[in-house]
């Protein structure tokens, strides 16, 4: 086995690679030329430009579906500001945080301590009173005399974990600061995010909002063609592959990140199989792999109540051909809570969780009116049938059922 593995790796080194630069197909890559987001870049630049005169700009919220270019545009614009600021010796600092990261943005204390560390102040991960960690942060800011822009990607995840009080506390810091100022860019997939904030918090934010539309199939084709030129050797992509990638992603709410991932994984599959070209068959194989991996990764990271809800949906739909309603799921949900020794949530809160699964693309939940009987949701699974047994096993393992 050892010789076989050695030969495999040695042969791999001698193979002609498909990729020139795989990084350009990854979600965190920021290209020099951003297609089909010129309007949004200009609008955000106009709001942020006063920072170059050391004037605090309005806070900004960017909304839109996954893969609509929100993070890309925010990163691109703030990078350009940093370049100009550095060139002209203007004291501006950008702090970017993905709020989905565990152990960084799961408590107010951890987020502020991370900000402190970004300013070179060594603070313990836990242990100090929250008021004390804020004082340390303010002192570090005042010492540097800067204008700080905090970019909070997936800001709704931060509020779900810590509550919206943290946004209020951070915005109110500007009243204490004499030498520095703080401004925010919040990024969220949830268009209703700010509507659910406490009015006091919403008032303190004084934000400008920009909604990013999804890309259409033609725009996705142009984005993929641009990246493919940088990512692959010439002539390795068969005709029709880019179009199929774009069509898949257009159906997924115009998700450019998904389109790029699909092309990258298809290339990896073709390379592993020693094929000479990336074909439409490789796109189909990549689609199945991504769908399976994405859904399972999402499920594994969900809180217990979310897992119980999805398990109840799976069990409720097991012997039914059509769609089911929230009330049917709630009965099964309460029984599952008993087995898991968990206190059941209200039916209204369960509906909120179902809506989140709908947003994640695991189920389809259509709100229907029952007249005087109020409203309910008709629910159906949208994941491939081949993935359902794996989801079921993953949930049973996570819930110890």
Protein backbone atom coordinates (compact mmCIF):
# COMPACT_ATOMS: atom_id res chain seq x y z
CA UNK A 1 0.00 0.00 0.00
CA UNK A 2 2.86 2.38 0.85
CA UNK A 3 4.47 1.98 -2.62
CA UNK A 4 1.10 2.35 -4.30
CA UNK A 5 0.44 5.61 -2.47
CA UNK A 6 3.95 6.89 -3.26
CA UNK A 7 3.43 6.12 -6.94
CA UNK A 8 0.05 7.84 -6.89
CA UNK A 9 1.50 11.07 -5.50
CA UNK A 10 4.50 10.97 -7.85
CA UNK A 11 2.21 10.45 -10.85
CA UNK A 12 0.02 13.31 -9.65
CA UNK A 13 3.04 15.64 -9.76
CA UNK A 14 3.74 14.74 -13.39
CA UNK A 15 0.13 15.19 -14.56
CA UNK A 16 -0.74 18.27 -16.59
CA UNK A 17 -2.96 20.38 -14.27
CA UNK A 18 -6.35 21.72 -15.32
CA UNK A 19 -6.06 24.78 -13.12
CA UNK A 20 -3.81 27.80 -13.53
CA UNK A 21 -5.24 29.59 -10.46
CA UNK A 22 -7.99 27.83 -8.52
CA UNK A 23 -8.34 30.72 -6.05
CA UNK A 24 -10.27 32.84 -8.56
CA UNK A 25 -13.17 30.36 -8.30
CA UNK A 26 -13.37 30.64 -4.51
CA UNK A 27 -15.94 32.78 -2.71
CA UNK A 28 -13.38 34.94 -0.89
CA UNK A 29 -11.58 36.05 -4.07
CA UNK A 30 -11.97 39.74 -4.96
CA UNK A 31 -11.42 40.36 -8.70
CA UNK A 32 -10.11 43.65 -10.07
CA UNK A 33 -13.08 43.87 -12.40
CA UNK A 34 -16.50 43.28 -10.76
CA UNK A 35 -19.20 42.70 -13.35
CA UNK A 36 -22.84 43.86 -13.05
CA UNK A 37 -22.43 45.63 -9.71
CA UNK A 38 -21.16 49.02 -10.92
CA UNK A 39 -24.27 50.84 -9.63
CA UNK A 40 -24.00 49.36 -6.13
CA UNK A 41 -20.24 50.06 -5.96
CA UNK A 42 -20.83 53.72 -6.92
CA UNK A 43 -23.67 54.17 -4.42
CA UNK A 44 -21.70 52.67 -1.52
CA UNK A 45 -18.57 54.63 -2.47
CA UNK A 46 -20.61 57.86 -2.39
CA UNK A 47 -21.83 57.10 1.15
CA UNK A 48 -18.36 56.11 2.42
CA UNK A 49 -16.30 58.85 0.69
CA UNK A 50 -16.51 61.31 3.67
CA UNK A 51 -14.25 58.98 5.69
CA UNK A 52 -11.36 60.26 3.54
CA UNK A 53 -11.97 63.67 5.14
CA UNK A 54 -12.21 61.99 8.57
CA UNK A 55 -15.97 62.58 8.64
CA UNK A 56 -18.20 59.79 9.95
CA UNK A 57 -20.38 58.41 7.11
CA UNK A 58 -23.86 56.96 7.49
CA UNK A 59 -24.09 53.34 8.55
CA UNK A 60 -24.88 51.03 5.62
CA UNK A 61 -26.95 47.85 5.37
CA UNK A 62 -26.61 45.59 2.34
CA UNK A 63 -29.39 43.08 1.69
CA UNK A 64 -29.85 40.36 -0.90
CA UNK A 65 -29.85 36.61 -1.51
CA UNK A 66 -26.72 34.52 -1.03
CA UNK A 67 -24.24 35.00 -3.87
CA UNK A 68 -25.65 38.36 -5.05
CA UNK A 69 -22.32 40.17 -4.55
CA UNK A 70 -22.92 41.94 -1.20
CA UNK A 71 -19.70 40.84 0.55
CA UNK A 72 -17.71 41.15 -2.67
CA UNK A 73 -18.79 44.77 -3.22
CA UNK A 74 -18.26 45.69 0.46
CA UNK A 75 -14.75 44.17 0.43
CA UNK A 76 -13.85 45.74 -2.92
CA UNK A 77 -15.03 49.22 -1.89
CA UNK A 78 -13.41 49.20 1.57
CA UNK A 79 -10.15 47.84 0.09
CA UNK A 80 -10.06 50.81 -2.31
CA UNK A 81 -10.67 53.20 0.60
CA UNK A 82 -7.82 51.55 2.55
CA UNK A 83 -5.48 51.96 -0.42
CA UNK A 84 -6.28 55.68 -0.80
CA UNK A 85 -6.06 56.21 2.98
CA UNK A 86 -2.67 54.51 3.21
CA UNK A 87 -1.34 56.46 0.23
CA UNK A 88 -2.46 59.78 1.76
CA UNK A 89 -1.65 58.81 5.37
CA UNK A 90 -5.30 59.14 6.49
CA UNK A 91 -5.94 57.21 9.76
CA UNK A 92 -8.74 54.88 8.63
CA UNK A 93 -9.08 51.26 9.72
CA UNK A 94 -11.40 48.56 8.34
CA UNK A 95 -12.42 45.67 10.60
CA UNK A 96 -14.17 42.81 8.78
CA UNK A 97 -15.91 40.00 10.64
CA UNK A 98 -18.01 37.10 9.38
CA UNK A 99 -20.57 36.74 12.17
CA UNK A 100 -21.09 33.05 11.39
CA UNK A 101 -17.68 32.31 12.94
CA UNK A 102 -18.02 30.44 16.21
CA UNK A 103 -16.07 31.62 19.26
CA UNK A 104 -15.60 35.08 17.73
CA UNK A 105 -19.09 36.51 17.28
CA UNK A 106 -21.18 34.25 19.53
CA UNK A 107 -21.14 36.65 22.52
CA UNK A 108 -20.85 40.42 22.92
CA UNK A 109 -17.71 39.98 25.02
CA UNK A 110 -15.92 37.89 22.38
CA UNK A 111 -16.69 40.33 19.60
CA UNK A 112 -15.38 43.36 21.53
CA UNK A 113 -12.31 41.42 22.72
CA UNK A 114 -11.59 40.52 19.07
CA UNK A 115 -11.79 44.21 18.18
CA UNK A 116 -9.34 44.97 21.01
CA UNK A 117 -6.90 42.35 19.71
CA UNK A 118 -7.19 43.87 16.23
CA UNK A 119 -5.83 47.07 17.81
CA UNK A 120 -2.93 45.15 19.36
CA UNK A 121 -4.38 45.05 22.87
CA UNK A 122 -4.02 41.63 24.47
CA UNK A 123 -7.18 40.79 26.42
CA UNK A 124 -8.41 37.48 27.86
CA UNK A 125 -11.02 35.54 25.86
CA UNK A 126 -13.28 35.48 28.92
CA UNK A 127 -13.25 36.70 32.51
CA UNK A 128 -13.57 40.49 32.48
CA UNK A 129 -16.88 42.32 32.96
CA UNK A 130 -18.38 43.41 29.61
CA UNK A 131 -18.23 47.09 30.67
CA UNK A 132 -14.49 46.70 31.28
CA UNK A 133 -13.82 45.22 27.83
CA UNK A 134 -15.70 48.17 26.26
CA UNK A 135 -13.50 50.62 28.23
CA UNK A 136 -10.36 48.87 26.95
CA UNK A 137 -11.68 49.08 23.39
CA UNK A 138 -12.55 52.80 23.69
CA UNK A 139 -9.09 53.54 25.15
CA UNK A 140 -7.40 51.72 22.23
CA UNK A 141 -9.52 53.64 19.72
CA UNK A 142 -8.85 57.03 21.32
CA UNK A 143 -5.12 56.36 21.43
CA UNK A 144 -4.98 55.66 17.67
CA UNK A 145 -7.24 58.63 16.72
CA UNK A 146 -8.84 56.86 13.78
CA UNK A 147 -12.06 56.44 11.90
CA UNK A 148 -13.05 52.79 12.20
CA UNK A 149 -15.39 51.05 9.75
CA UNK A 150 -16.73 47.76 11.14
CA UNK A 151 -18.02 45.39 8.45
CA UNK A 152 -20.33 42.77 9.98
CA UNK A 153 -21.06 40.09 7.40
CA UNK A 154 -24.11 37.90 8.21
CA UNK A 155 -25.05 40.49 10.85
CA UNK A 156 -28.38 38.70 11.45
CA UNK A 157 -26.40 35.73 12.81
CA UNK A 158 -24.73 38.02 15.36
CA UNK A 159 -28.10 39.39 16.53
CA UNK A 160 -29.58 35.86 16.68
CA UNK A 161 -26.75 34.80 19.00
CA UNK A 162 -26.28 37.89 21.16
CA UNK A 163 -29.45 39.98 20.78
CA UNK A 164 -29.67 43.45 19.19
CA UNK A 165 -28.38 45.26 22.30
CA UNK A 166 -24.82 44.88 20.97
CA UNK A 167 -25.65 47.09 17.95
CA UNK A 168 -27.08 49.74 20.26
CA UNK A 169 -24.00 49.62 22.52
CA UNK A 170 -21.58 49.89 19.60
CA UNK A 171 -23.38 52.84 17.98
CA UNK A 172 -23.62 54.66 21.32
CA UNK A 173 -19.82 54.48 21.70
CA UNK A 174 -19.57 57.45 19.32
CA UNK A 175 -21.01 59.62 22.13
CA UNK A 176 -18.03 58.67 24.33
CA UNK A 177 -15.37 59.03 21.64
CA UNK A 178 -13.60 62.39 21.27
CA UNK A 179 -10.64 61.51 19.02
CA UNK A 180 -12.15 58.64 16.97
CA UNK A 181 -15.41 57.59 15.31
CA UNK A 182 -17.08 54.28 14.37
CA UNK A 183 -19.22 53.50 11.34
CA UNK A 184 -20.87 50.21 10.33
CA UNK A 185 -21.56 48.16 7.25
CA UNK A 186 -24.04 45.36 7.98
CA UNK A 187 -24.55 42.56 5.44
CA UNK A 188 -27.51 40.18 5.58
CA UNK A 189 -29.47 37.69 3.45
CA UNK A 190 -32.59 38.56 5.46
CA UNK A 191 -34.45 41.47 3.85
CA UNK A 192 -36.61 41.89 6.97
CA UNK A 193 -33.65 42.01 9.38
CA UNK A 194 -33.85 45.68 10.41
CA UNK A 195 -37.67 45.51 10.70
CA UNK A 196 -37.27 43.08 13.60
CA UNK A 197 -34.82 45.26 15.55
CA UNK A 198 -35.83 47.11 18.70
CA UNK A 199 -36.98 50.65 17.62
CA UNK A 200 -34.36 52.15 19.95
CA UNK A 201 -31.61 50.14 18.19
CA UNK A 202 -32.96 50.95 14.73
CA UNK A 203 -33.03 54.66 15.57
CA UNK A 204 -29.41 54.64 16.80
CA UNK A 205 -28.19 52.99 13.58
CA UNK A 206 -29.46 55.73 11.19
CA UNK A 207 -28.58 53.50 8.26
CA UNK A 208 -28.78 53.66 4.47
CA UNK A 209 -30.04 50.47 2.86
CA UNK A 210 -29.12 48.88 -0.48
CA UNK A 211 -30.81 45.78 -1.90
CA UNK A 212 -28.78 43.60 -4.27
CA UNK A 213 -30.85 41.87 -6.98
CA UNK A 214 -29.95 38.29 -7.96
CA UNK A 215 -27.86 37.77 -11.10
CA UNK A 216 -29.67 36.46 -14.17
CA UNK A 217 -28.35 33.56 -16.31
CA UNK A 218 -26.66 35.84 -18.87
CA UNK A 219 -24.86 37.85 -16.17
CA UNK A 220 -23.70 34.63 -14.51
CA UNK A 221 -22.34 33.38 -17.86
CA UNK A 222 -20.28 36.54 -18.23
CA UNK A 223 -18.96 36.28 -14.66
CA UNK A 224 -18.04 32.60 -15.17
CA UNK A 225 -16.34 33.26 -18.52
CA UNK A 226 -14.26 36.03 -16.94
CA UNK A 227 -13.14 33.85 -14.02
CA UNK A 228 -12.64 30.72 -16.17
CA UNK A 229 -10.03 32.55 -18.28
CA UNK A 230 -7.99 33.13 -15.13
CA UNK A 231 -8.68 29.75 -13.48
CA UNK A 232 -8.19 27.13 -16.23
CA UNK A 233 -5.79 26.24 -18.99
CA UNK A 234 -7.10 27.21 -22.40
CA UNK A 235 -9.32 24.63 -24.10
CA UNK A 236 -10.15 22.40 -21.11
CA UNK A 237 -13.81 23.51 -20.81
CA UNK A 238 -16.18 21.82 -23.26
CA UNK A 239 -18.79 23.91 -25.05
CA UNK A 240 -22.01 24.28 -23.07
CA UNK A 241 -20.40 23.80 -19.62
CA UNK A 242 -20.41 27.51 -18.66
CA UNK A 243 -24.02 27.86 -19.87
CA UNK A 244 -25.12 24.86 -17.80
CA UNK A 245 -23.35 26.22 -14.69
CA UNK A 246 -25.07 29.58 -15.15
CA UNK A 247 -28.47 27.95 -15.67
CA UNK A 248 -28.11 25.87 -12.48
CA UNK A 249 -27.17 28.95 -10.43
CA UNK A 250 -29.89 31.12 -11.99
CA UNK A 251 -32.43 28.60 -10.71
CA UNK A 252 -30.81 28.93 -7.26
CA UNK A 253 -31.85 32.62 -6.99
CA UNK A 254 -28.94 33.87 -9.15
CA UNK A 255 -26.21 32.72 -6.77
CA UNK A 256 -22.82 33.62 -8.33
CA UNK A 257 -20.91 31.95 -5.50
CA UNK A 258 -22.77 28.71 -6.22
CA UNK A 259 -21.99 28.96 -9.96
CA UNK A 260 -18.27 29.43 -9.28
CA UNK A 261 -18.22 26.55 -6.80
CA UNK A 262 -19.99 24.30 -9.31
CA UNK A 263 -17.38 25.05 -11.99
CA UNK A 264 -14.50 24.53 -9.55
CA UNK A 265 -15.81 21.18 -8.25
CA UNK A 266 -16.52 20.00 -11.83
CA UNK A 267 -12.90 20.80 -12.69
CA UNK A 268 -11.65 18.87 -9.65
CA UNK A 269 -13.76 15.84 -10.57
CA UNK A 270 -12.55 15.87 -14.19
CA UNK A 271 -8.94 16.18 -13.04
CA UNK A 272 -9.26 13.28 -10.59
CA UNK A 273 -10.75 11.08 -13.31
CA UNK A 274 -7.88 11.92 -15.69
CA UNK A 275 -10.34 13.30 -18.24
CA UNK A 276 -9.03 15.67 -20.89
CA UNK A 277 -11.90 18.15 -20.64
CA UNK A 278 -14.57 19.40 -18.23
CA UNK A 279 -17.90 18.24 -19.65
CA UNK A 280 -21.59 18.68 -18.83
CA UNK A 281 -21.46 15.25 -17.16
CA UNK A 282 -18.93 16.66 -14.66
CA UNK A 283 -21.29 19.56 -13.91
CA UNK A 284 -24.07 17.08 -13.03
CA UNK A 285 -21.70 15.12 -10.78
CA UNK A 286 -20.52 18.34 -9.10
CA UNK A 287 -24.11 19.48 -8.57
CA UNK A 288 -25.02 16.24 -6.75
CA UNK A 289 -21.89 16.42 -4.57
CA UNK A 290 -22.34 20.08 -3.61
CA UNK A 291 -26.03 19.65 -2.82
CA UNK A 292 -25.34 16.70 -0.53
CA UNK A 293 -22.39 18.34 1.25
CA UNK A 294 -24.07 21.75 1.60
CA UNK A 295 -27.26 20.45 3.16
CA UNK A 296 -25.46 18.16 5.60
CA UNK A 297 -23.05 20.92 6.65
CA UNK A 298 -25.97 23.29 7.31
CA UNK A 299 -27.83 20.68 9.37
CA UNK A 300 -24.82 19.75 11.51
CA UNK A 301 -24.34 23.38 12.59
CA UNK A 302 -27.99 24.07 13.51
CA UNK A 303 -29.17 24.41 17.15
CA UNK A 304 -31.10 21.51 18.71
CA UNK A 305 -34.54 23.09 18.18
CA UNK A 306 -33.79 23.48 14.45
CA UNK A 307 -32.75 19.81 14.21
CA UNK A 308 -35.93 18.70 16.00
CA UNK A 309 -38.02 20.81 13.62
CA UNK A 310 -36.39 19.38 10.49
CA UNK A 311 -36.60 15.85 11.88
CA UNK A 312 -40.33 16.41 12.49
CA UNK A 313 -40.78 17.63 8.89
CA UNK A 314 -39.00 14.54 7.54
CA UNK A 315 -41.06 12.17 9.67
CA UNK A 316 -44.33 13.96 8.84
CA UNK A 317 -43.69 13.79 5.09
CA UNK A 318 -42.43 10.17 5.12
CA UNK A 319 -45.72 8.52 4.14
CA UNK A 320 -47.38 11.47 2.37
CA UNK A 321 -47.28 12.23 -1.33
CA UNK A 322 -48.41 15.90 -1.13
CA UNK A 323 -47.41 18.88 1.00
CA UNK A 324 -48.07 19.08 4.74
CA UNK A 325 -49.10 21.96 6.98
CA UNK A 326 -47.53 23.55 10.04
CA UNK A 327 -50.15 22.09 12.42
CA UNK A 328 -49.34 18.50 11.37
CA UNK A 329 -45.64 19.11 11.92
CA UNK A 330 -46.26 20.74 15.31
CA UNK A 331 -47.94 17.60 16.68
CA UNK A 332 -44.97 15.47 15.66
CA UNK A 333 -42.56 18.17 16.87
CA UNK A 334 -44.00 18.08 20.43
CA UNK A 335 -43.59 14.30 20.56
CA UNK A 336 -39.98 14.56 19.37
CA UNK A 337 -39.25 17.24 22.03
CA UNK A 338 -40.40 14.77 24.71
CA UNK A 339 -38.00 12.12 23.39
CA UNK A 340 -35.15 14.66 23.38
CA UNK A 341 -36.05 16.05 26.84
CA UNK A 342 -36.46 19.55 25.37
CA UNK A 343 -39.19 22.08 26.16
CA UNK A 344 -41.28 22.64 22.99
CA UNK A 345 -41.48 26.10 21.44
CA UNK A 346 -44.77 27.77 20.52
CA UNK A 347 -46.27 27.04 17.11
CA UNK A 348 -45.52 30.62 16.08
CA UNK A 349 -41.81 30.21 16.88
CA UNK A 350 -41.81 26.88 15.03
CA UNK A 351 -43.18 28.74 11.99
CA UNK A 352 -40.21 31.13 12.21
CA UNK A 353 -37.77 28.19 12.15
CA UNK A 354 -39.63 26.66 9.18
CA UNK A 355 -39.28 30.02 7.37
CA UNK A 356 -35.51 29.92 8.00
CA UNK A 357 -35.24 26.43 6.48
CA UNK A 358 -37.18 27.79 3.50
CA UNK A 359 -34.60 30.59 3.16
CA UNK A 360 -31.78 28.01 3.31
CA UNK A 361 -33.38 26.14 0.40
CA UNK A 362 -33.94 22.84 2.26
CA UNK A 363 -37.74 23.06 2.19
CA UNK A 364 -40.37 25.04 0.32
CA UNK A 365 -42.83 26.75 2.67
CA UNK A 366 -45.71 28.56 1.01
CA UNK A 367 -47.95 30.74 3.20
CA UNK A 368 -51.66 30.17 2.50
CA UNK A 369 -54.74 31.87 3.91
CA UNK A 370 -57.44 29.86 5.70
CA UNK A 371 -59.86 32.80 5.82
CA UNK A 372 -61.09 33.32 9.36
CA UNK A 373 -58.89 30.40 10.43
CA UNK A 374 -55.79 32.57 9.96
CA UNK A 375 -52.72 31.59 7.93
CA UNK A 376 -50.61 28.46 7.75
CA UNK A 377 -47.75 27.12 5.63
CA UNK A 378 -47.79 24.31 3.09
CA UNK A 379 -44.43 22.58 3.36
CA UNK A 380 -42.54 20.29 1.00
CA UNK A 381 -38.94 19.09 0.81
CA UNK A 382 -36.82 20.42 -2.06
CA UNK A 383 -33.63 18.43 -1.42
CA UNK A 384 -32.95 15.45 -3.73
CA UNK A 385 -34.55 12.15 -2.63
CA UNK A 386 -31.10 10.51 -2.60
CA UNK A 387 -30.01 12.98 0.13
CA UNK A 388 -32.97 12.42 2.49
CA UNK A 389 -31.66 9.20 4.14
CA UNK A 390 -28.33 10.93 4.86
CA UNK A 391 -30.17 13.92 6.38
CA UNK A 392 -32.30 11.56 8.46
CA UNK A 393 -29.22 9.74 9.80
CA UNK A 394 -27.45 13.03 10.49
CA UNK A 395 -30.43 14.32 12.52
CA UNK A 396 -30.87 11.05 14.47
CA UNK A 397 -27.19 11.13 15.39
CA UNK A 398 -27.32 14.81 16.40
CA UNK A 399 -30.45 14.29 18.54
CA UNK A 400 -29.39 10.87 19.97
CA UNK A 401 -32.64 9.29 18.75
